[in-house]
Amino acid sequence: MASILPFVDGGLSRQPFDFADLVVETAADPIFVMDPAGRTVYANPAAERAFGWSLEELRGQVLHDLVHHHYPDGRPFPMEECPLGHVFARQERLERHEELFFRRDGTPVHVACSNAPVLRDGRMVGAVLVAVDITERKLMERRLAEALAAKEALVREVHHRVKNSLMMVVGMLQLQGSQTADPDARALLEEARQRVSTVARIHERLYRIEDVTSVEFAALLRELCLETMAAGPLAGRVGLAVEAEPLVLPTDCALPLALAANELVTNAIKHAYPQGRQGTIRVSFRPHGAGWALRVADDGVGLPDGFDPARTRSLGMRLVTGLARQVGAALEVGRGPGGSFTLRAAA
């Protein structure tokens, strides 16, 4: 065969067969060599097989006009807008950029291209194009994207149905409470109703977000705390301050952490401000090293002497302790003035 190297005076000279020729001739990916005007000088057998033209048919033809003449939407693709044209205009190497080429029969083929100018004594005498067929990869990427979209739609629908089911439970608990004469039993049913309602509200938010695998937790925390405070009996005499830095958490961490925050705010509402006492409940959430820290503090009457969250019989604190373990967080209790609870996770 005619040797493709070296270029002489912008063209090709015939040289004895050498190892470089063997490598190019047997390469699995299409390789094109062009002169400074973009006309095809050489195409290896892989290029012939991939695009349907023989070397004889390609030789002397502007390669761009044969394989890259249209955008994917059908609009004409001028050479000056083509990355290959930039190689000739700027003498720059372009590596692994994805393009849509066309075979001889018009069939589109996705390719990952590498283009390089060939310089001789500082003068460009041609260019080399390697085009790797990535059609199967693009097809697989599209199928994976479709599968992921279907999965996310399914997960959102699950969140929506869970929310609807939980709201039915909320209604039943409310009905049961209204028909219960025992005030202690009514209070327990009301607490259960509020907790289930909180879980339902969280699922409603998860249904609305676009990415079902993660949650920007600061916004969720702020909204949940404001709703909890507004629904409580202290609205108007006890303030709420939420300082939360934006941080994305996995959904399976955000949900139990939001429940823990709700329990801590609810406990402060119930116990920290008796007999018309005023004050402010402060909630903060911020990064802590590679992890995060959630703190709920009040300036109320303070915690009882000897208070131990691991031994208390309070259902709310037992829930917080269990939720802290679920998200891998340590629970720290602070005293005076008022009380504070901090959940701290290392990662």
C-alpha atoms as a PDB file:
ATOM      1  CA  MET A   1       0.000   0.000   0.000  1.00  0.00           C
ATOM      2  CA  ALA A   2       1.015   3.630  -0.240  1.00  0.00           C
ATOM      3  CA  SER A   3       2.701   4.858   2.911  1.00  0.00           C
ATOM      4  CA  ILE A   4       0.705   7.589   4.671  1.00  0.00           C
ATOM      5  CA  LEU A   5       3.841   9.154   6.183  1.00  0.00           C
ATOM      6  CA  PRO A   6       5.567  11.489   5.803  1.00  0.00           C
ATOM      7  CA  PHE A   7       3.871  14.521   4.259  1.00  0.00           C
ATOM      8  CA  VAL A   8       6.043  16.195   1.663  1.00  0.00           C
ATOM      9  CA  ASP A   9       5.147  19.645   0.297  1.00  0.00           C
ATOM     10  CA  GLY A  10       1.611  19.255   1.591  1.00  0.00           C
ATOM     11  CA  GLY A  11       1.119  15.880  -0.097  1.00  0.00           C
ATOM     12  CA  LEU A  12       2.175  12.288   0.353  1.00  0.00           C
ATOM     13  CA  SER A  13       5.212  10.489  -0.895  1.00  0.00           C
ATOM     14  CA  ARG A  14       5.453   6.766  -1.462  1.00  0.00           C
ATOM     15  CA  GLN A  15       7.673   5.172   1.142  1.00  0.00           C
ATOM     16  CA  PRO A  16       8.503   1.549   1.903  1.00  0.00           C
ATOM     17  CA  PHE A  17       5.994  -0.251   4.111  1.00  0.00           C
ATOM     18  CA  ASP A  18       6.822   0.406   7.775  1.00  0.00           C
ATOM     19  CA  PHE A  19       5.468  -0.251  11.259  1.00  0.00           C
ATOM     20  CA  ALA A  20       3.479   3.033  11.398  1.00  0.00           C
ATOM     21  CA  ASP A  21       1.573   1.966   8.295  1.00  0.00           C
ATOM     22  CA  LEU A  22       0.813  -1.410   9.882  1.00  0.00           C
ATOM     23  CA  VAL A  23      -0.576   0.185  13.035  1.00  0.00           C
ATOM     24  CA  VAL A  24      -2.855   2.554  11.143  1.00  0.00           C
ATOM     25  CA  GLU A  25      -3.969  -0.102   8.652  1.00  0.00           C
ATOM     26  CA  THR A  26      -5.002  -2.565  11.373  1.00  0.00           C
ATOM     27  CA  ALA A  27      -6.462  -0.056  13.867  1.00  0.00           C
ATOM     28  CA  ALA A  28      -9.968  -0.953  15.010  1.00  0.00           C
ATOM     29  CA  ASP A  29     -11.198   2.663  14.916  1.00  0.00           C
ATOM     30  CA  PRO A  30     -11.672   4.819  11.813  1.00  0.00           C
ATOM     31  CA  ILE A  31      -8.702   7.041  10.977  1.00  0.00           C
ATOM     32  CA  PHE A  32      -8.768   9.763   8.332  1.00  0.00           C
ATOM     33  CA  VAL A  33      -5.866  11.857   7.059  1.00  0.00           C
ATOM     34  CA  MET A  34      -6.587  15.168   5.326  1.00  0.00           C
ATOM     35  CA  ASP A  35      -4.561  17.748   3.469  1.00  0.00           C
ATOM     36  CA  PRO A  36      -4.548  21.440   4.580  1.00  0.00           C
ATOM     37  CA  ALA A  37      -7.775  22.064   2.637  1.00  0.00           C
ATOM     38  CA  GLY A  38      -9.629  19.294   4.504  1.00  0.00           C
ATOM     39  CA  ARG A  39      -9.602  16.924   1.516  1.00  0.00           C
ATOM     40  CA  THR A  40      -9.290  13.250   2.337  1.00  0.00           C
ATOM     41  CA  VAL A  41      -5.859  11.795   1.581  1.00  0.00           C
ATOM     42  CA  TYR A  42      -6.187   8.511   3.397  1.00  0.00           C
ATOM     43  CA  ALA A  43      -8.791   6.438   5.234  1.00  0.00           C
ATOM     44  CA  ASN A  44      -7.959   3.142   6.904  1.00  0.00           C
ATOM     45  CA  PRO A  45     -10.051  -0.007   6.387  1.00  0.00           C
ATOM     46  CA  ALA A  46     -11.936   0.605   9.642  1.00  0.00           C
ATOM     47  CA  ALA A  47     -13.071   3.978   8.255  1.00  0.00           C
ATOM     48  CA  GLU A  48     -14.187   2.353   5.028  1.00  0.00           C
ATOM     49  CA  ARG A  49     -16.219  -0.248   6.914  1.00  0.00           C
ATOM     50  CA  ALA A  50     -17.713   2.249   9.363  1.00  0.00           C
ATOM     51  CA  PHE A  51     -18.867   4.886   6.876  1.00  0.00           C
ATOM     52  CA  GLY A  52     -19.412   2.971   3.647  1.00  0.00           C
ATOM     53  CA  TRP A  53     -17.047   4.783   1.262  1.00  0.00           C
ATOM     54  CA  SER A  54     -13.958   3.227  -0.200  1.00  0.00           C
ATOM     55  CA  LEU A  55     -10.615   5.015  -0.029  1.00  0.00           C
ATOM     56  CA  GLU A  56     -10.782   5.642  -3.769  1.00  0.00           C
ATOM     57  CA  GLU A  57     -14.170   7.352  -3.360  1.00  0.00           C
ATOM     58  CA  LEU A  58     -13.022   9.392  -0.361  1.00  0.00           C
ATOM     59  CA  ARG A  59      -9.699  10.550  -1.757  1.00  0.00           C
ATOM     60  CA  GLY A  60      -9.811  14.219  -2.767  1.00  0.00           C
ATOM     61  CA  GLN A  61     -13.241  14.780  -1.161  1.00  0.00           C
ATOM     62  CA  VAL A  62     -13.706  17.279   1.697  1.00  0.00           C
ATOM     63  CA  LEU A  63     -14.351  14.929   4.606  1.00  0.00           C
ATOM     64  CA  HIS A  64     -16.620  17.337   6.465  1.00  0.00           C
ATOM     65  CA  ASP A  65     -18.985  17.563   3.482  1.00  0.00           C
ATOM     66  CA  LEU A  66     -19.336  13.771   3.430  1.00  0.00           C
ATOM     67  CA  VAL A  67     -19.720  12.797   7.083  1.00  0.00           C
ATOM     68  CA  HIS A  68     -20.554  15.954   9.053  1.00  0.00           C
ATOM     69  CA  HIS A  69     -22.742  18.023   6.777  1.00  0.00           C
ATOM     70  CA  HIS A  70     -25.792  18.431   9.039  1.00  0.00           C
ATOM     71  CA  TYR A  71     -26.608  19.150  12.670  1.00  0.00           C
ATOM     72  CA  PRO A  72     -28.684  16.477  14.437  1.00  0.00           C
ATOM     73  CA  ASP A  73     -31.805  18.623  13.851  1.00  0.00           C
ATOM     74  CA  GLY A  74     -31.197  18.679  10.091  1.00  0.00           C
ATOM     75  CA  ARG A  75     -29.769  22.196   9.750  1.00  0.00           C
ATOM     76  CA  PRO A  76     -26.728  22.548   7.466  1.00  0.00           C
ATOM     77  CA  PHE A  77     -23.430  22.389   9.365  1.00  0.00           C
ATOM     78  CA  PRO A  78     -20.917  24.853   7.871  1.00  0.00           C
ATOM     79  CA  MET A  79     -17.273  23.839   7.968  1.00  0.00           C
ATOM     80  CA  GLU A  80     -16.365  26.984   9.900  1.00  0.00           C
ATOM     81  CA  GLU A  81     -18.627  25.869  12.761  1.00  0.00           C
ATOM     82  CA  CYS A  82     -17.225  22.360  12.814  1.00  0.00           C
ATOM     83  CA  PRO A  83     -14.591  21.404  15.424  1.00  0.00           C
ATOM     84  CA  LEU A  84     -12.576  19.949  12.565  1.00  0.00           C
ATOM     85  CA  GLY A  85     -12.622  23.369  10.940  1.00  0.00           C
ATOM     86  CA  HIS A  86     -11.121  24.812  14.150  1.00  0.00           C
ATOM     87  CA  VAL A  87      -8.202  22.426  13.792  1.00  0.00           C
ATOM     88  CA  PHE A  88      -7.432  23.866  10.377  1.00  0.00           C
ATOM     89  CA  ALA A  89      -8.142  27.473  11.355  1.00  0.00           C
ATOM     90  CA  ARG A  90      -6.274  27.493  14.692  1.00  0.00           C
ATOM     91  CA  GLN A  91      -3.989  24.485  14.384  1.00  0.00           C
ATOM     92  CA  GLU A  92      -5.282  23.208  17.753  1.00  0.00           C
ATOM     93  CA  ARG A  93      -5.619  19.633  18.940  1.00  0.00           C
ATOM     94  CA  LEU A  94      -9.139  18.595  19.979  1.00  0.00           C
ATOM     95  CA  GLU A  95      -9.565  15.372  21.932  1.00  0.00           C
ATOM     96  CA  ARG A  96     -12.590  13.175  22.665  1.00  0.00           C
ATOM     97  CA  HIS A  97     -15.346  15.574  21.648  1.00  0.00           C
ATOM     98  CA  GLU A  98     -18.647  13.941  20.756  1.00  0.00           C
ATOM     99  CA  GLU A  99     -20.218  14.549  17.356  1.00  0.00           C
ATOM    100  CA  LEU A 100     -22.910  13.096  15.139  1.00  0.00           C
ATOM    101  CA  PHE A 101     -21.530  11.875  11.791  1.00  0.00           C
ATOM    102  CA  PHE A 102     -23.420  10.291   8.894  1.00  0.00           C
ATOM    103  CA  ARG A 103     -22.667   7.137   6.951  1.00  0.00           C
ATOM    104  CA  ARG A 104     -22.906   6.936   3.188  1.00  0.00           C
ATOM    105  CA  ASP A 105     -26.536   5.741   3.401  1.00  0.00           C
ATOM    106  CA  GLY A 106     -27.453   8.677   5.677  1.00  0.00           C
ATOM    107  CA  THR A 107     -27.521   6.635   8.866  1.00  0.00           C
ATOM    108  CA  PRO A 108     -26.378   8.758  11.824  1.00  0.00           C
ATOM    109  CA  VAL A 109     -23.513   7.475  13.958  1.00  0.00           C
ATOM    110  CA  HIS A 110     -22.404   8.955  17.270  1.00  0.00           C
ATOM    111  CA  VAL A 111     -18.654   9.314  17.437  1.00  0.00           C
ATOM    112  CA  ALA A 112     -16.033  10.497  19.901  1.00  0.00           C
ATOM    113  CA  CYS A 113     -13.511  12.401  17.809  1.00  0.00           C
ATOM    114  CA  SER A 114      -9.892  13.308  18.276  1.00  0.00           C
ATOM    115  CA  ASN A 115      -8.470  15.804  15.782  1.00  0.00           C
ATOM    116  CA  ALA A 116      -4.864  16.889  15.500  1.00  0.00           C
ATOM    117  CA  PRO A 117      -2.975  19.085  13.060  1.00  0.00           C
ATOM    118  CA  VAL A 118       0.120  17.624  11.384  1.00  0.00           C
ATOM    119  CA  LEU A 119       2.936  20.161  11.438  1.00  0.00           C
ATOM    120  CA  ARG A 120       6.169  20.170   9.487  1.00  0.00           C
ATOM    121  CA  ASP A 121       8.780  22.805  10.284  1.00  0.00           C
ATOM    122  CA  GLY A 122       6.054  24.803  12.035  1.00  0.00           C
ATOM    123  CA  ARG A 123       3.788  24.676   9.000  1.00  0.00           C
ATOM    124  CA  MET A 124       0.516  22.763   8.954  1.00  0.00           C
ATOM    125  CA  VAL A 125       0.577  20.189   6.169  1.00  0.00           C
ATOM    126  CA  GLY A 126      -2.573  18.283   7.086  1.00  0.00           C
ATOM    127  CA  ALA A 127      -4.687  16.848   9.876  1.00  0.00           C
ATOM    128  CA  VAL A 128      -5.582  13.494  11.375  1.00  0.00           C
ATOM    129  CA  LEU A 129      -9.050  12.523  12.574  1.00  0.00           C
ATOM    130  CA  VAL A 130      -9.813   9.464  14.720  1.00  0.00           C
ATOM    131  CA  ALA A 131     -13.550   8.734  15.075  1.00  0.00           C
ATOM    132  CA  VAL A 132     -14.603   6.144  17.658  1.00  0.00           C
ATOM    133  CA  ASP A 133     -18.132   4.798  17.182  1.00  0.00           C
ATOM    134  CA  ILE A 134     -20.014   5.337  20.457  1.00  0.00           C
ATOM    135  CA  THR A 135     -23.514   4.695  19.116  1.00  0.00           C
ATOM    136  CA  GLU A 136     -24.071   1.701  21.408  1.00  0.00           C
ATOM    137  CA  ARG A 137     -22.834   3.673  24.396  1.00  0.00           C
ATOM    138  CA  LYS A 138     -25.178   6.569  23.599  1.00  0.00           C
ATOM    139  CA  LEU A 139     -28.064   4.143  23.201  1.00  0.00           C
ATOM    140  CA  MET A 140     -27.251   2.590  26.562  1.00  0.00           C
ATOM    141  CA  GLU A 141     -27.002   6.051  28.165  1.00  0.00           C
ATOM    142  CA  ARG A 142     -30.429   6.944  26.771  1.00  0.00           C
ATOM    143  CA  ARG A 143     -31.941   3.712  28.050  1.00  0.00           C
ATOM    144  CA  LEU A 144     -30.381   4.247  31.475  1.00  0.00           C
ATOM    145  CA  ALA A 145     -31.677   7.829  31.561  1.00  0.00           C
ATOM    146  CA  GLU A 146     -35.168   6.625  30.655  1.00  0.00           C
ATOM    147  CA  ALA A 147     -34.996   3.896  33.303  1.00  0.00           C
ATOM    148  CA  LEU A 148     -33.802   6.399  35.904  1.00  0.00           C
ATOM    149  CA  ALA A 149     -36.588   8.828  35.001  1.00  0.00           C
ATOM    150  CA  ALA A 150     -39.149   6.021  35.296  1.00  0.00           C
ATOM    151  CA  LYS A 151     -37.706   4.994  38.659  1.00  0.00           C
ATOM    152  CA  GLU A 152     -37.792   8.559  39.976  1.00  0.00           C
ATOM    153  CA  ALA A 153     -41.381   8.982  38.790  1.00  0.00           C
ATOM    154  CA  LEU A 154     -42.278   5.749  40.572  1.00  0.00           C
ATOM    155  CA  VAL A 155     -40.561   6.854  43.789  1.00  0.00           C
ATOM    156  CA  ARG A 156     -42.373  10.203  43.665  1.00  0.00           C
ATOM    157  CA  GLU A 157     -45.654   8.399  43.182  1.00  0.00           C
ATOM    158  CA  VAL A 158     -44.840   6.179  46.167  1.00  0.00           C
ATOM    159  CA  HIS A 159     -44.184   9.280  48.297  1.00  0.00           C
ATOM    160  CA  HIS A 160     -47.509  10.721  47.125  1.00  0.00           C
ATOM    161  CA  ARG A 161     -49.442   7.552  47.952  1.00  0.00           C
ATOM    162  CA  VAL A 162     -47.706   7.203  51.307  1.00  0.00           C
ATOM    163  CA  LYS A 163     -48.700  10.791  52.094  1.00  0.00           C
ATOM    164  CA  ASN A 164     -52.320  10.065  51.148  1.00  0.00           C
ATOM    165  CA  SER A 165     -52.367   6.907  53.268  1.00  0.00           C
ATOM    166  CA  LEU A 166     -50.862   8.729  56.234  1.00  0.00           C
ATOM    167  CA  MET A 167     -53.428  11.512  55.928  1.00  0.00           C
ATOM    168  CA  MET A 168     -56.127   8.851  56.167  1.00  0.00           C
ATOM    169  CA  VAL A 169     -54.496   7.659  59.389  1.00  0.00           C
ATOM    170  CA  VAL A 170     -54.401  11.269  60.622  1.00  0.00           C
ATOM    171  CA  GLY A 171     -58.118  11.563  59.972  1.00  0.00           C
ATOM    172  CA  MET A 172     -58.857   8.320  61.789  1.00  0.00           C
ATOM    173  CA  LEU A 173     -56.783   9.352  64.808  1.00  0.00           C
ATOM    174  CA  GLN A 174     -58.544  12.704  64.897  1.00  0.00           C
ATOM    175  CA  LEU A 175     -61.940  11.004  64.720  1.00  0.00           C
ATOM    176  CA  GLN A 176     -60.983   8.526  67.422  1.00  0.00           C
ATOM    177  CA  GLY A 177     -59.748  11.356  69.631  1.00  0.00           C
ATOM    178  CA  SER A 178     -63.002  13.264  69.267  1.00  0.00           C
ATOM    179  CA  GLN A 179     -64.935  10.192  70.429  1.00  0.00           C
ATOM    180  CA  THR A 180     -62.684   9.434  73.412  1.00  0.00           C
ATOM    181  CA  ALA A 181     -63.830  10.660  76.815  1.00  0.00           C
ATOM    182  CA  ASP A 182     -60.575  10.036  78.671  1.00  0.00           C
ATOM    183  CA  PRO A 183     -58.465  13.257  78.432  1.00  0.00           C
ATOM    184  CA  ASP A 184     -55.170  11.356  78.805  1.00  0.00           C
ATOM    185  CA  ALA A 185     -56.095   9.008  75.972  1.00  0.00           C
ATOM    186  CA  ARG A 186     -57.217  12.010  73.902  1.00  0.00           C
ATOM    187  CA  ALA A 187     -53.851  13.679  74.479  1.00  0.00           C
ATOM    188  CA  LEU A 188     -51.967  10.549  73.411  1.00  0.00           C
ATOM    189  CA  LEU A 189     -54.074  10.246  70.271  1.00  0.00           C
ATOM    190  CA  GLU A 190     -53.438  13.896  69.478  1.00  0.00           C
ATOM    191  CA  GLU A 191     -49.656  13.412  69.846  1.00  0.00           C
ATOM    192  CA  ALA A 192     -49.826  10.395  67.554  1.00  0.00           C
ATOM    193  CA  ARG A 193     -51.891  12.399  65.066  1.00  0.00           C
ATOM    194  CA  GLN A 194     -49.330  15.208  65.035  1.00  0.00           C
ATOM    195  CA  ARG A 195     -46.419  12.811  64.479  1.00  0.00           C
ATOM    196  CA  VAL A 196     -48.141  11.007  61.616  1.00  0.00           C
ATOM    197  CA  SER A 197     -49.104  14.373  60.131  1.00  0.00           C
ATOM    198  CA  THR A 198     -45.439  15.437  60.239  1.00  0.00           C
ATOM    199  CA  VAL A 199     -44.369  12.292  58.376  1.00  0.00           C
ATOM    200  CA  ALA A 200     -47.101  12.941  55.803  1.00  0.00           C
ATOM    201  CA  ARG A 201     -45.907  16.533  55.271  1.00  0.00           C
ATOM    202  CA  ILE A 202     -42.351  15.320  54.700  1.00  0.00           C
ATOM    203  CA  HIS A 203     -43.503  12.771  52.124  1.00  0.00           C
ATOM    204  CA  GLU A 204     -45.469  15.515  50.385  1.00  0.00           C
ATOM    205  CA  ARG A 205     -42.269  17.567  50.068  1.00  0.00           C
ATOM    206  CA  LEU A 206     -40.328  14.570  48.793  1.00  0.00           C
ATOM    207  CA  TYR A 207     -43.040  14.076  46.162  1.00  0.00           C
ATOM    208  CA  ARG A 208     -42.548  17.641  44.906  1.00  0.00           C
ATOM    209  CA  ILE A 209     -38.754  17.684  44.603  1.00  0.00           C
ATOM    210  CA  GLU A 210     -37.051  16.788  41.342  1.00  0.00           C
ATOM    211  CA  ASP A 211     -34.222  14.628  42.726  1.00  0.00           C
ATOM    212  CA  VAL A 212     -35.791  11.880  44.854  1.00  0.00           C
ATOM    213  CA  THR A 213     -32.437  10.563  46.091  1.00  0.00           C
ATOM    214  CA  SER A 214     -31.336  13.707  47.953  1.00  0.00           C
ATOM    215  CA  VAL A 215     -32.827  16.731  49.712  1.00  0.00           C
ATOM    216  CA  GLU A 216     -31.606  20.274  50.293  1.00  0.00           C
ATOM    217  CA  PHE A 217     -32.177  19.936  54.023  1.00  0.00           C
ATOM    218  CA  ALA A 218     -32.072  23.567  55.119  1.00  0.00           C
ATOM    219  CA  ALA A 219     -35.233  24.474  53.208  1.00  0.00           C
ATOM    220  CA  LEU A 220     -37.057  21.373  54.448  1.00  0.00           C
ATOM    221  CA  LEU A 221     -36.035  22.056  58.058  1.00  0.00           C
ATOM    222  CA  ARG A 222     -37.057  25.714  57.933  1.00  0.00           C
ATOM    223  CA  GLU A 223     -40.463  24.975  56.446  1.00  0.00           C
ATOM    224  CA  LEU A 224     -41.182  22.102  58.841  1.00  0.00           C
ATOM    225  CA  CYS A 225     -40.202  24.083  61.958  1.00  0.00           C
ATOM    226  CA  LEU A 226     -42.302  27.078  60.950  1.00  0.00           C
ATOM    227  CA  GLU A 227     -45.340  24.867  60.393  1.00  0.00           C
ATOM    228  CA  THR A 228     -44.822  23.074  63.705  1.00  0.00           C
ATOM    229  CA  MET A 229     -44.527  26.370  65.554  1.00  0.00           C
ATOM    230  CA  ALA A 230     -47.550  27.895  63.856  1.00  0.00           C
ATOM    231  CA  ALA A 231     -49.698  24.889  64.791  1.00  0.00           C
ATOM    232  CA  GLY A 232     -48.609  24.922  68.441  1.00  0.00           C
ATOM    233  CA  PRO A 233     -50.121  26.735  71.415  1.00  0.00           C
ATOM    234  CA  LEU A 234     -47.225  29.195  71.871  1.00  0.00           C
ATOM    235  CA  ALA A 235     -47.620  31.189  68.659  1.00  0.00           C
ATOM    236  CA  GLY A 236     -47.406  34.891  69.523  1.00  0.00           C
ATOM    237  CA  ARG A 237     -45.496  34.662  72.801  1.00  0.00           C
ATOM    238  CA  VAL A 238     -42.563  32.374  71.904  1.00  0.00           C
ATOM    239  CA  GLY A 239     -40.436  33.136  68.860  1.00  0.00           C
ATOM    240  CA  LEU A 240     -38.690  30.761  66.502  1.00  0.00           C
ATOM    241  CA  ALA A 241     -35.288  31.408  64.903  1.00  0.00           C
ATOM    242  CA  VAL A 242     -34.007  28.974  62.290  1.00  0.00           C
ATOM    243  CA  GLU A 243     -30.444  29.324  61.023  1.00  0.00           C
ATOM    244  CA  ALA A 244     -29.760  26.630  58.464  1.00  0.00           C
ATOM    245  CA  GLU A 245     -26.937  26.517  55.951  1.00  0.00           C
ATOM    246  CA  PRO A 246     -27.664  24.880  52.576  1.00  0.00           C
ATOM    247  CA  LEU A 247     -26.580  21.246  52.627  1.00  0.00           C
ATOM    248  CA  VAL A 248     -27.787  18.342  50.518  1.00  0.00           C
ATOM    249  CA  LEU A 249     -28.493  15.113  52.403  1.00  0.00           C
ATOM    250  CA  PRO A 250     -29.533  11.673  51.147  1.00  0.00           C
ATOM    251  CA  THR A 251     -33.281  11.166  51.457  1.00  0.00           C
ATOM    252  CA  ASP A 252     -32.873   8.243  53.858  1.00  0.00           C
ATOM    253  CA  CYS A 253     -30.988  10.605  56.205  1.00  0.00           C
ATOM    254  CA  ALA A 254     -33.083  13.739  55.687  1.00  0.00           C
ATOM    255  CA  LEU A 255     -36.397  12.129  56.615  1.00  0.00           C
ATOM    256  CA  PRO A 256     -35.448  10.772  60.077  1.00  0.00           C
ATOM    257  CA  LEU A 257     -33.428  13.926  60.808  1.00  0.00           C
ATOM    258  CA  ALA A 258     -36.450  16.082  59.993  1.00  0.00           C
ATOM    259  CA  LEU A 259     -38.560  13.928  62.321  1.00  0.00           C
ATOM    260  CA  ALA A 260     -35.988  14.338  65.086  1.00  0.00           C
ATOM    261  CA  ALA A 261     -35.992  18.125  64.636  1.00  0.00           C
ATOM    262  CA  ASN A 262     -39.778  18.164  64.769  1.00  0.00           C
ATOM    263  CA  GLU A 263     -39.777  16.150  68.001  1.00  0.00           C
ATOM    264  CA  LEU A 264     -37.245  18.465  69.633  1.00  0.00           C
ATOM    265  CA  VAL A 265     -39.149  21.606  68.644  1.00  0.00           C
ATOM    266  CA  THR A 266     -42.420  20.021  69.821  1.00  0.00           C
ATOM    267  CA  ASN A 267     -40.855  19.083  73.177  1.00  0.00           C
ATOM    268  CA  ALA A 268     -39.662  22.665  73.650  1.00  0.00           C
ATOM    269  CA  ILE A 269     -43.140  23.953  72.839  1.00  0.00           C
ATOM    270  CA  LYS A 270     -44.711  21.543  75.344  1.00  0.00           C
ATOM    271  CA  HIS A 271     -42.305  21.805  78.285  1.00  0.00           C
ATOM    272  CA  ALA A 272     -40.001  24.852  78.128  1.00  0.00           C
ATOM    273  CA  TYR A 273     -42.474  27.723  78.442  1.00  0.00           C
ATOM    274  CA  PRO A 274     -45.155  27.049  81.069  1.00  0.00           C
ATOM    275  CA  GLN A 275     -47.464  29.633  82.660  1.00  0.00           C
ATOM    276  CA  GLY A 276     -47.175  32.306  79.979  1.00  0.00           C
ATOM    277  CA  ARG A 277     -43.384  32.331  79.918  1.00  0.00           C
ATOM    278  CA  GLN A 278     -41.885  34.007  76.838  1.00  0.00           C
ATOM    279  CA  GLY A 279     -38.724  33.267  74.913  1.00  0.00           C
ATOM    280  CA  THR A 280     -37.265  31.960  71.672  1.00  0.00           C
ATOM    281  CA  ILE A 281     -36.664  28.471  70.320  1.00  0.00           C
ATOM    282  CA  ARG A 282     -33.518  28.413  68.193  1.00  0.00           C
ATOM    283  CA  VAL A 283     -32.841  25.805  65.547  1.00  0.00           C
ATOM    284  CA  SER A 284     -29.512  25.648  63.720  1.00  0.00           C
ATOM    285  CA  PHE A 285     -28.174  23.318  61.072  1.00  0.00           C
ATOM    286  CA  ARG A 286     -24.700  23.622  59.587  1.00  0.00           C
ATOM    287  CA  PRO A 287     -21.832  21.562  58.204  1.00  0.00           C
ATOM    288  CA  HIS A 288     -19.551  20.068  60.855  1.00  0.00           C
ATOM    289  CA  GLY A 289     -16.282  18.749  59.450  1.00  0.00           C
ATOM    290  CA  ALA A 290     -17.240  16.175  56.843  1.00  0.00           C
ATOM    291  CA  GLY A 291     -20.689  15.822  58.411  1.00  0.00           C
ATOM    292  CA  TRP A 292     -23.337  18.076  59.929  1.00  0.00           C
ATOM    293  CA  ALA A 293     -24.752  19.295  63.232  1.00  0.00           C
ATOM    294  CA  LEU A 294     -28.407  19.954  64.090  1.00  0.00           C
ATOM    295  CA  ARG A 295     -29.121  21.902  67.302  1.00  0.00           C
ATOM    296  CA  VAL A 296     -32.443  22.799  68.925  1.00  0.00           C
ATOM    297  CA  ALA A 297     -32.158  25.089  71.944  1.00  0.00           C
ATOM    298  CA  ASP A 298     -34.607  27.034  74.104  1.00  0.00           C
ATOM    299  CA  ASP A 299     -34.312  29.683  76.827  1.00  0.00           C
ATOM    300  CA  GLY A 300     -37.111  28.214  78.902  1.00  0.00           C
ATOM    301  CA  VAL A 301     -37.279  26.628  82.351  1.00  0.00           C
ATOM    302  CA  GLY A 302     -34.455  24.182  81.667  1.00  0.00           C
ATOM    303  CA  LEU A 303     -34.167  20.415  81.890  1.00  0.00           C
ATOM    304  CA  PRO A 304     -34.986  18.451  85.063  1.00  0.00           C
ATOM    305  CA  ASP A 305     -32.118  17.475  87.345  1.00  0.00           C
ATOM    306  CA  GLY A 306     -30.629  14.153  86.351  1.00  0.00           C
ATOM    307  CA  PHE A 307     -32.249  14.243  82.923  1.00  0.00           C
ATOM    308  CA  ASP A 308     -30.875  11.439  80.725  1.00  0.00           C
ATOM    309  CA  PRO A 309     -32.340  11.056  77.198  1.00  0.00           C
ATOM    310  CA  ALA A 310     -31.300   7.399  77.147  1.00  0.00           C
ATOM    311  CA  ARG A 311     -33.351   6.607  80.265  1.00  0.00           C
ATOM    312  CA  THR A 312     -36.306   8.946  80.025  1.00  0.00           C
ATOM    313  CA  ARG A 313     -39.772   7.450  79.620  1.00  0.00           C
ATOM    314  CA  SER A 314     -40.806  10.303  77.340  1.00  0.00           C
ATOM    315  CA  LEU A 315     -41.884   8.901  74.001  1.00  0.00           C
ATOM    316  CA  GLY A 316     -40.610  12.021  72.218  1.00  0.00           C
ATOM    317  CA  MET A 317     -37.079  11.702  73.583  1.00  0.00           C
ATOM    318  CA  ARG A 318     -37.048   7.953  72.947  1.00  0.00           C
ATOM    319  CA  LEU A 319     -37.956   8.724  69.346  1.00  0.00           C
ATOM    320  CA  VAL A 320     -35.173  11.309  69.084  1.00  0.00           C
ATOM    321  CA  THR A 321     -32.649   8.852  70.518  1.00  0.00           C
ATOM    322  CA  GLY A 322     -33.705   6.167  68.054  1.00  0.00           C
ATOM    323  CA  LEU A 323     -33.687   8.570  65.098  1.00  0.00           C
ATOM    324  CA  ALA A 324     -30.207   9.780  66.052  1.00  0.00           C
ATOM    325  CA  ARG A 325     -28.941   6.200  65.935  1.00  0.00           C
ATOM    326  CA  GLN A 326     -30.672   5.704  62.577  1.00  0.00           C
ATOM    327  CA  VAL A 327     -28.735   8.580  60.971  1.00  0.00           C
ATOM    328  CA  GLY A 328     -25.478   7.722  62.744  1.00  0.00           C
ATOM    329  CA  ALA A 329     -25.466  10.858  64.908  1.00  0.00           C
ATOM    330  CA  ALA A 330     -24.345  11.406  68.483  1.00  0.00           C
ATOM    331  CA  LEU A 331     -26.917  13.116  70.726  1.00  0.00           C
ATOM    332  CA  GLU A 332     -25.544  15.790  73.073  1.00  0.00           C
ATOM    333  CA  VAL A 333     -27.582  17.480  75.807  1.00  0.00           C
ATOM    334  CA  GLY A 334     -26.791  20.991  77.047  1.00  0.00           C
ATOM    335  CA  ARG A 335     -28.116  22.724  80.156  1.00  0.00           C
ATOM    336  CA  GLY A 336     -28.832  26.278  81.319  1.00  0.00           C
ATOM    337  CA  PRO A 337     -30.150  28.614  80.604  1.00  0.00           C
ATOM    338  CA  GLY A 338     -32.915  26.536  79.115  1.00  0.00           C
ATOM    339  CA  GLY A 339     -32.001  23.326  77.375  1.00  0.00           C
ATOM    340  CA  SER A 340     -30.367  22.290  74.129  1.00  0.00           C
ATOM    341  CA  PHE A 341     -30.080  19.110  72.092  1.00  0.00           C
ATOM    342  CA  THR A 342     -27.479  18.592  69.372  1.00  0.00           C
ATOM    343  CA  LEU A 343     -27.323  15.765  66.848  1.00  0.00           C
ATOM    344  CA  ARG A 344     -23.849  15.581  65.373  1.00  0.00           C
ATOM    345  CA  ALA A 345     -22.806  13.246  62.538  1.00  0.00           C
ATOM    346  CA  ALA A 346     -19.210  12.796  61.425  1.00  0.00           C
ATOM    347  CA  ALA A 347     -20.038  12.097  57.784  1.00  0.00           C
END
